[in-house]
Amino acid sequence: MPNILACTDGSRYAPSVYRHAAWAARRLDASVHVLHMLNPHHEEPVKTDYSGSIGFDARAHLLDELVELEAAKARVAQKRGQAILDDALARLREAGITRVVADQKHGKLSESIDNYERDADLVVLGKRGNNADFETGHLGSNLERVIRICQHPVLVAARRFGRMERFVLAFDGGPSAKKAVDYAAREPLLRGMQALLLTTGEPGPKIRTELDEAAATLREAGYQVDSEVRPGDPEEVIAAVADQDPFDLLVMGAYGHSRIRQFFVGSTTTAMIRTVKIPVLLFR
């Protein structure tokens, strides 16, 4: 049975993560595994060295109080995490998802994701988390690392969940773009949606042929497909198409090829996740 891993930290993106996960679960007839990682800071003992700064008795008393404070913080973090999971379970069940489990684990998501996503067919997480700067558009600290590690498709949830009727697939002829086309043709996640295959810049004959082949593959799978080649910088063209046409989902490779360059920081992938207001489905 397909399984979706939905990662949550209880941020303002969390409700959207649950709605995107529920949508995907219905499309794939999948179960949902909700994962919340506890901040490891609350699990570490106090390591501050106060030797020589204050008297022995005062130092011992202070360290006892600090240990108690850290223990209290850990208890609060665990209770908050359980509240986050309870909310996730309630929202997913309200959305009609009955096959759902929730786990609270210790550690950092970016360091542990490979332990959990190996059993998942799709990973869903928010564009930004609690540690992100919403004013500057800074991405969540876990997001780039998680995408770098995940071997399965990653659905980056937008701030709000909306209709899912049209998607644009950024096609550059690279392996990850072809993998996205194959996934769309083979799996039911995007089935029934209208599709645009978009290539940017000034591609040569080989890319144009591969674009036609990709469009034919999707048509054979039952999609209504258009394909376009638009001049210009990939970041600007893709963002404009996603925003202006408008589309409901951007599909692209996490690794680039030719003008859609290999990621990460400063690349087309990062720019697209940061800029577009729609969810992004990424393939490695």
Protein backbone atom coordinates (compact mmCIF):
# COMPACT_ATOMS: atom_id res chain seq x y z
CA MET A 1 0.00 0.00 0.00
CA PRO A 2 1.36 3.46 -0.86
CA ASN A 3 2.40 5.59 2.10
CA ILE A 4 2.79 9.35 2.44
CA LEU A 5 5.18 10.88 4.95
CA ALA A 6 3.85 14.25 6.17
CA CYS A 7 6.43 16.23 8.15
CA THR A 8 5.14 18.88 10.55
CA ASP A 9 6.53 21.28 13.11
CA GLY A 10 3.25 22.95 13.98
CA SER A 11 4.11 26.12 12.04
CA ARG A 12 1.57 28.19 10.14
CA TYR A 13 2.19 25.90 7.17
CA ALA A 14 1.08 22.81 9.11
CA PRO A 15 -2.66 22.93 8.20
CA SER A 16 -1.70 23.20 4.53
CA VAL A 17 0.69 20.25 4.86
CA TYR A 18 -2.18 18.13 6.19
CA ARG A 19 -4.51 19.20 3.37
CA HIS A 20 -1.88 18.50 0.71
CA ALA A 21 -1.16 15.13 2.32
CA ALA A 22 -4.89 14.31 2.42
CA TRP A 23 -5.27 15.25 -1.26
CA ALA A 24 -2.34 13.03 -2.21
CA ALA A 25 -3.60 10.18 -0.03
CA ARG A 26 -6.97 10.21 -1.76
CA ARG A 27 -5.36 10.30 -5.20
CA LEU A 28 -2.90 7.50 -4.43
CA ASP A 29 -5.19 5.50 -2.11
CA ALA A 30 -2.38 5.79 0.42
CA SER A 31 -1.94 5.83 4.18
CA VAL A 32 -0.39 8.84 5.89
CA HIS A 33 2.46 8.83 8.40
CA VAL A 34 2.69 12.15 10.27
CA LEU A 35 6.15 12.85 11.68
CA HIS A 36 7.13 15.50 14.21
CA MET A 37 10.75 15.88 15.25
CA LEU A 38 11.55 17.22 18.72
CA ASN A 39 14.22 19.87 18.88
CA PRO A 40 17.36 18.06 20.11
CA HIS A 41 18.33 21.18 22.07
CA HIS A 42 15.85 20.15 24.73
CA GLU A 43 17.41 16.71 25.02
CA GLU A 44 20.96 17.85 25.71
CA PRO A 45 22.31 18.22 29.24
CA VAL A 46 23.56 21.56 30.44
CA LYS A 47 27.19 21.86 29.32
CA THR A 48 28.02 25.40 30.36
CA ASP A 49 31.23 25.65 32.40
CA TYR A 50 30.78 27.99 35.36
CA SER A 51 34.01 26.99 37.13
CA GLY A 52 35.81 29.97 38.56
CA SER A 53 33.07 32.46 37.77
CA ILE A 54 31.07 32.04 40.97
CA GLY A 55 31.47 30.30 44.32
CA PHE A 56 31.15 26.55 44.66
CA ASP A 57 27.88 26.49 46.60
CA ALA A 58 26.24 29.06 44.35
CA ARG A 59 27.51 27.23 41.28
CA ALA A 60 26.11 23.89 42.42
CA HIS A 61 22.74 25.46 43.22
CA LEU A 62 22.62 27.20 39.86
CA LEU A 63 23.45 24.02 37.96
CA ASP A 64 20.67 22.18 39.79
CA GLU A 65 18.22 24.87 38.76
CA LEU A 66 19.44 24.79 35.17
CA VAL A 67 19.02 21.03 35.02
CA GLU A 68 15.46 21.40 36.34
CA LEU A 69 14.80 24.13 33.79
CA GLU A 70 16.02 21.98 30.90
CA ALA A 71 13.89 19.07 32.13
CA ALA A 72 10.87 21.38 32.23
CA LYS A 73 11.60 22.59 28.70
CA ALA A 74 11.80 18.99 27.49
CA ARG A 75 8.44 18.19 29.05
CA VAL A 76 6.86 21.26 27.45
CA ALA A 77 8.37 20.35 24.06
CA GLN A 78 6.98 16.83 24.30
CA LYS A 79 3.52 18.07 25.25
CA ARG A 80 3.59 20.63 22.44
CA GLY A 81 4.66 17.92 20.02
CA GLN A 82 1.82 15.67 21.12
CA ALA A 83 -0.63 18.53 20.66
CA ILE A 84 0.71 19.05 17.13
CA LEU A 85 0.21 15.37 16.33
CA ASP A 86 -3.28 15.32 17.84
CA ASP A 87 -4.20 18.28 15.64
CA ALA A 88 -2.73 16.58 12.57
CA LEU A 89 -4.68 13.38 13.23
CA ALA A 90 -7.92 15.32 13.73
CA ARG A 91 -7.48 17.35 10.53
CA LEU A 92 -6.59 14.33 8.41
CA ARG A 93 -9.53 12.33 9.73
CA GLU A 94 -11.82 15.28 9.07
CA ALA A 95 -10.53 15.16 5.49
CA GLY A 96 -11.60 11.53 5.27
CA ILE A 97 -8.19 9.89 5.74
CA THR A 98 -8.61 6.90 8.06
CA ARG A 99 -5.29 5.12 7.52
CA VAL A 100 -3.09 7.54 9.44
CA VAL A 101 -0.47 7.19 12.17
CA ALA A 102 1.53 9.85 13.98
CA ASP A 103 5.00 9.69 15.53
CA GLN A 104 7.10 12.02 17.65
CA LYS A 105 10.82 11.43 17.33
CA HIS A 106 13.93 13.07 18.76
CA GLY A 107 16.44 14.77 16.49
CA LYS A 108 16.63 16.99 13.44
CA LEU A 109 14.50 16.20 10.41
CA SER A 110 17.33 16.90 7.99
CA GLU A 111 19.54 14.37 9.77
CA SER A 112 16.88 11.68 10.13
CA ILE A 113 14.69 11.94 7.04
CA ASP A 114 16.39 9.03 5.28
CA ASN A 115 15.32 6.73 8.12
CA TYR A 116 11.65 7.51 7.50
CA GLU A 117 11.28 8.35 3.81
CA ARG A 118 12.61 4.98 2.68
CA ASP A 119 9.17 3.53 3.51
CA ALA A 120 7.29 6.42 1.90
CA ASP A 121 6.16 6.89 -1.68
CA LEU A 122 5.78 10.65 -1.29
CA VAL A 123 7.10 13.18 1.24
CA VAL A 124 5.04 16.27 2.08
CA LEU A 125 6.39 19.24 4.02
CA GLY A 126 5.86 22.97 4.28
CA LYS A 127 7.81 25.57 2.40
CA ARG A 128 8.74 27.30 5.63
CA GLY A 129 8.84 26.22 9.24
CA ASN A 130 8.93 27.83 12.65
CA ASN A 131 12.53 28.95 12.21
CA ALA A 132 12.01 30.62 8.84
CA ASP A 133 11.94 34.36 8.31
CA PHE A 134 8.52 34.94 6.75
CA GLU A 135 9.23 38.58 6.01
CA THR A 136 12.30 37.92 3.88
CA GLY A 137 11.00 34.78 2.22
CA HIS A 138 13.78 32.65 3.72
CA LEU A 139 13.08 28.95 3.27
CA GLY A 140 12.80 26.61 6.22
CA SER A 141 16.21 25.44 7.39
CA ASN A 142 15.23 21.78 6.98
CA LEU A 143 13.73 22.08 3.53
CA GLU A 144 16.78 22.25 1.30
CA ARG A 145 18.59 19.52 3.24
CA VAL A 146 15.56 17.23 3.14
CA ILE A 147 15.12 17.64 -0.62
CA ARG A 148 18.81 16.96 -1.07
CA ILE A 149 18.48 13.65 0.81
CA CYS A 150 15.07 12.31 -0.27
CA GLN A 151 15.02 9.65 -2.96
CA HIS A 152 11.24 9.82 -3.34
CA PRO A 153 9.15 12.68 -4.76
CA VAL A 154 8.76 15.65 -2.41
CA LEU A 155 5.61 17.79 -2.40
CA VAL A 156 6.35 21.24 -0.96
CA ALA A 157 3.08 22.62 0.34
CA ALA A 158 2.10 26.21 -0.38
CA ARG A 159 0.81 28.46 2.39
CA ARG A 160 -2.75 27.50 1.49
CA PHE A 161 -4.20 24.47 -0.24
CA GLY A 162 -6.24 25.23 -3.33
CA ARG A 163 -7.72 23.50 -6.33
CA MET A 164 -5.62 20.96 -8.19
CA GLU A 165 -6.68 21.11 -11.82
CA ARG A 166 -3.66 22.30 -13.84
CA PHE A 167 0.08 21.72 -13.50
CA VAL A 168 3.12 23.04 -15.31
CA LEU A 169 6.11 20.74 -15.65
CA ALA A 170 9.47 22.44 -16.16
CA PHE A 171 11.13 20.20 -18.74
CA ASP A 172 14.81 20.50 -19.57
CA GLY A 173 15.51 17.01 -20.89
CA GLY A 174 17.40 16.01 -17.76
CA PRO A 175 16.95 12.71 -15.89
CA SER A 176 14.87 14.22 -13.10
CA ALA A 177 12.49 15.94 -15.54
CA LYS A 178 12.03 12.69 -17.44
CA LYS A 179 11.41 10.94 -14.13
CA ALA A 180 8.66 13.48 -13.41
CA VAL A 181 7.03 12.76 -16.79
CA ASP A 182 7.23 9.02 -16.18
CA TYR A 183 5.71 9.41 -12.71
CA ALA A 184 2.84 11.51 -14.04
CA ALA A 185 2.12 8.92 -16.72
CA ARG A 186 2.40 5.93 -14.39
CA GLU A 187 0.98 7.07 -11.04
CA PRO A 188 -2.52 8.44 -10.32
CA LEU A 189 -1.42 11.51 -8.33
CA LEU A 190 -1.76 13.98 -11.22
CA ARG A 191 -4.17 12.00 -13.37
CA GLY A 192 -7.00 14.09 -14.80
CA MET A 193 -5.17 17.40 -14.44
CA GLN A 194 -4.38 19.55 -17.48
CA ALA A 195 -0.65 19.72 -18.18
CA LEU A 196 1.78 22.19 -19.70
CA LEU A 197 5.28 21.04 -20.54
CA LEU A 198 7.49 24.11 -20.44
CA THR A 199 11.03 24.45 -21.77
CA THR A 200 12.92 27.73 -21.45
CA GLY A 201 15.72 29.45 -23.30
CA GLU A 202 16.83 28.38 -26.76
CA PRO A 203 16.89 24.57 -26.72
CA GLY A 204 18.52 22.59 -29.48
CA PRO A 205 16.87 19.96 -31.68
CA LYS A 206 17.53 17.18 -29.14
CA ILE A 207 15.60 18.91 -26.34
CA ARG A 208 12.75 19.80 -28.69
CA THR A 209 12.48 16.16 -29.74
CA GLU A 210 12.51 15.03 -26.12
CA LEU A 211 9.83 17.63 -25.31
CA ASP A 212 7.60 16.19 -28.04
CA GLU A 213 8.23 12.67 -26.77
CA ALA A 214 7.36 13.71 -23.21
CA ALA A 215 4.11 15.31 -24.40
CA ALA A 216 3.24 12.15 -26.33
CA THR A 217 3.89 10.04 -23.23
CA LEU A 218 1.46 12.11 -21.18
CA ARG A 219 -1.18 12.11 -23.94
CA GLU A 220 -0.98 8.33 -24.14
CA ALA A 221 -1.63 8.29 -20.38
CA GLY A 222 -4.80 10.30 -20.91
CA TYR A 223 -3.62 13.83 -20.16
CA GLN A 224 -4.67 16.96 -21.99
CA VAL A 225 -1.22 18.39 -22.75
CA ASP A 226 0.24 21.55 -24.20
CA SER A 227 3.96 22.11 -24.72
CA GLU A 228 5.79 25.39 -25.07
CA VAL A 229 9.27 26.79 -25.49
CA ARG A 230 9.64 30.26 -24.03
CA PRO A 231 12.78 32.35 -24.28
CA GLY A 232 14.36 33.85 -21.19
CA ASP A 233 15.90 32.97 -17.87
CA PRO A 234 14.38 29.78 -16.38
CA GLU A 235 13.73 31.34 -12.99
CA GLU A 236 11.86 34.32 -14.44
CA VAL A 237 9.97 32.39 -17.11
CA ILE A 238 8.80 29.55 -14.87
CA ALA A 239 7.77 31.93 -12.09
CA ALA A 240 5.82 34.10 -14.53
CA VAL A 241 4.02 31.15 -16.07
CA ALA A 242 3.14 29.65 -12.69
CA ASP A 243 1.84 32.97 -11.42
CA GLN A 244 0.16 34.53 -14.42
CA ASP A 245 -1.57 31.71 -16.29
CA PRO A 246 -2.27 30.54 -13.48
CA PHE A 247 -1.41 26.95 -12.60
CA ASP A 248 -2.16 25.02 -9.44
CA LEU A 249 1.05 22.99 -9.17
CA LEU A 250 4.64 23.27 -10.38
CA VAL A 251 6.41 20.01 -11.18
CA MET A 252 10.15 20.01 -11.70
CA GLY A 253 13.39 18.17 -11.07
CA ALA A 254 15.43 18.90 -7.98
CA TYR A 255 18.53 18.64 -10.13
CA GLY A 256 18.85 20.69 -13.26
CA HIS A 257 20.39 20.14 -16.63
CA SER A 258 21.47 22.64 -19.29
CA ARG A 259 19.97 26.05 -18.48
CA ILE A 260 17.93 24.76 -15.57
CA ARG A 261 21.07 24.39 -13.56
CA GLN A 262 22.13 21.90 -10.95
CA PHE A 263 20.92 23.09 -7.58
CA PHE A 264 21.16 24.14 -4.72
CA VAL A 265 21.63 27.51 -3.04
CA GLY A 266 20.96 30.24 -5.61
CA SER A 267 19.68 27.74 -8.17
CA THR A 268 16.45 27.55 -10.11
CA THR A 269 15.07 24.94 -7.71
CA THR A 270 15.55 27.11 -4.65
CA ALA A 271 14.30 30.21 -6.44
CA MET A 272 11.15 28.46 -7.62
CA ILE A 273 10.27 27.10 -4.18
CA ARG A 274 10.86 30.52 -2.66
CA THR A 275 9.08 32.56 -5.34
CA VAL A 276 6.01 30.71 -6.56
CA LYS A 277 2.84 30.75 -4.49
CA ILE A 278 1.70 27.30 -5.58
CA PRO A 279 2.90 23.90 -4.30
CA VAL A 280 5.96 22.36 -5.92
CA LEU A 281 6.40 18.66 -6.66
CA LEU A 282 10.09 17.79 -6.90
CA PHE A 283 11.87 14.77 -8.36
CA ARG A 284 15.49 13.69 -8.05
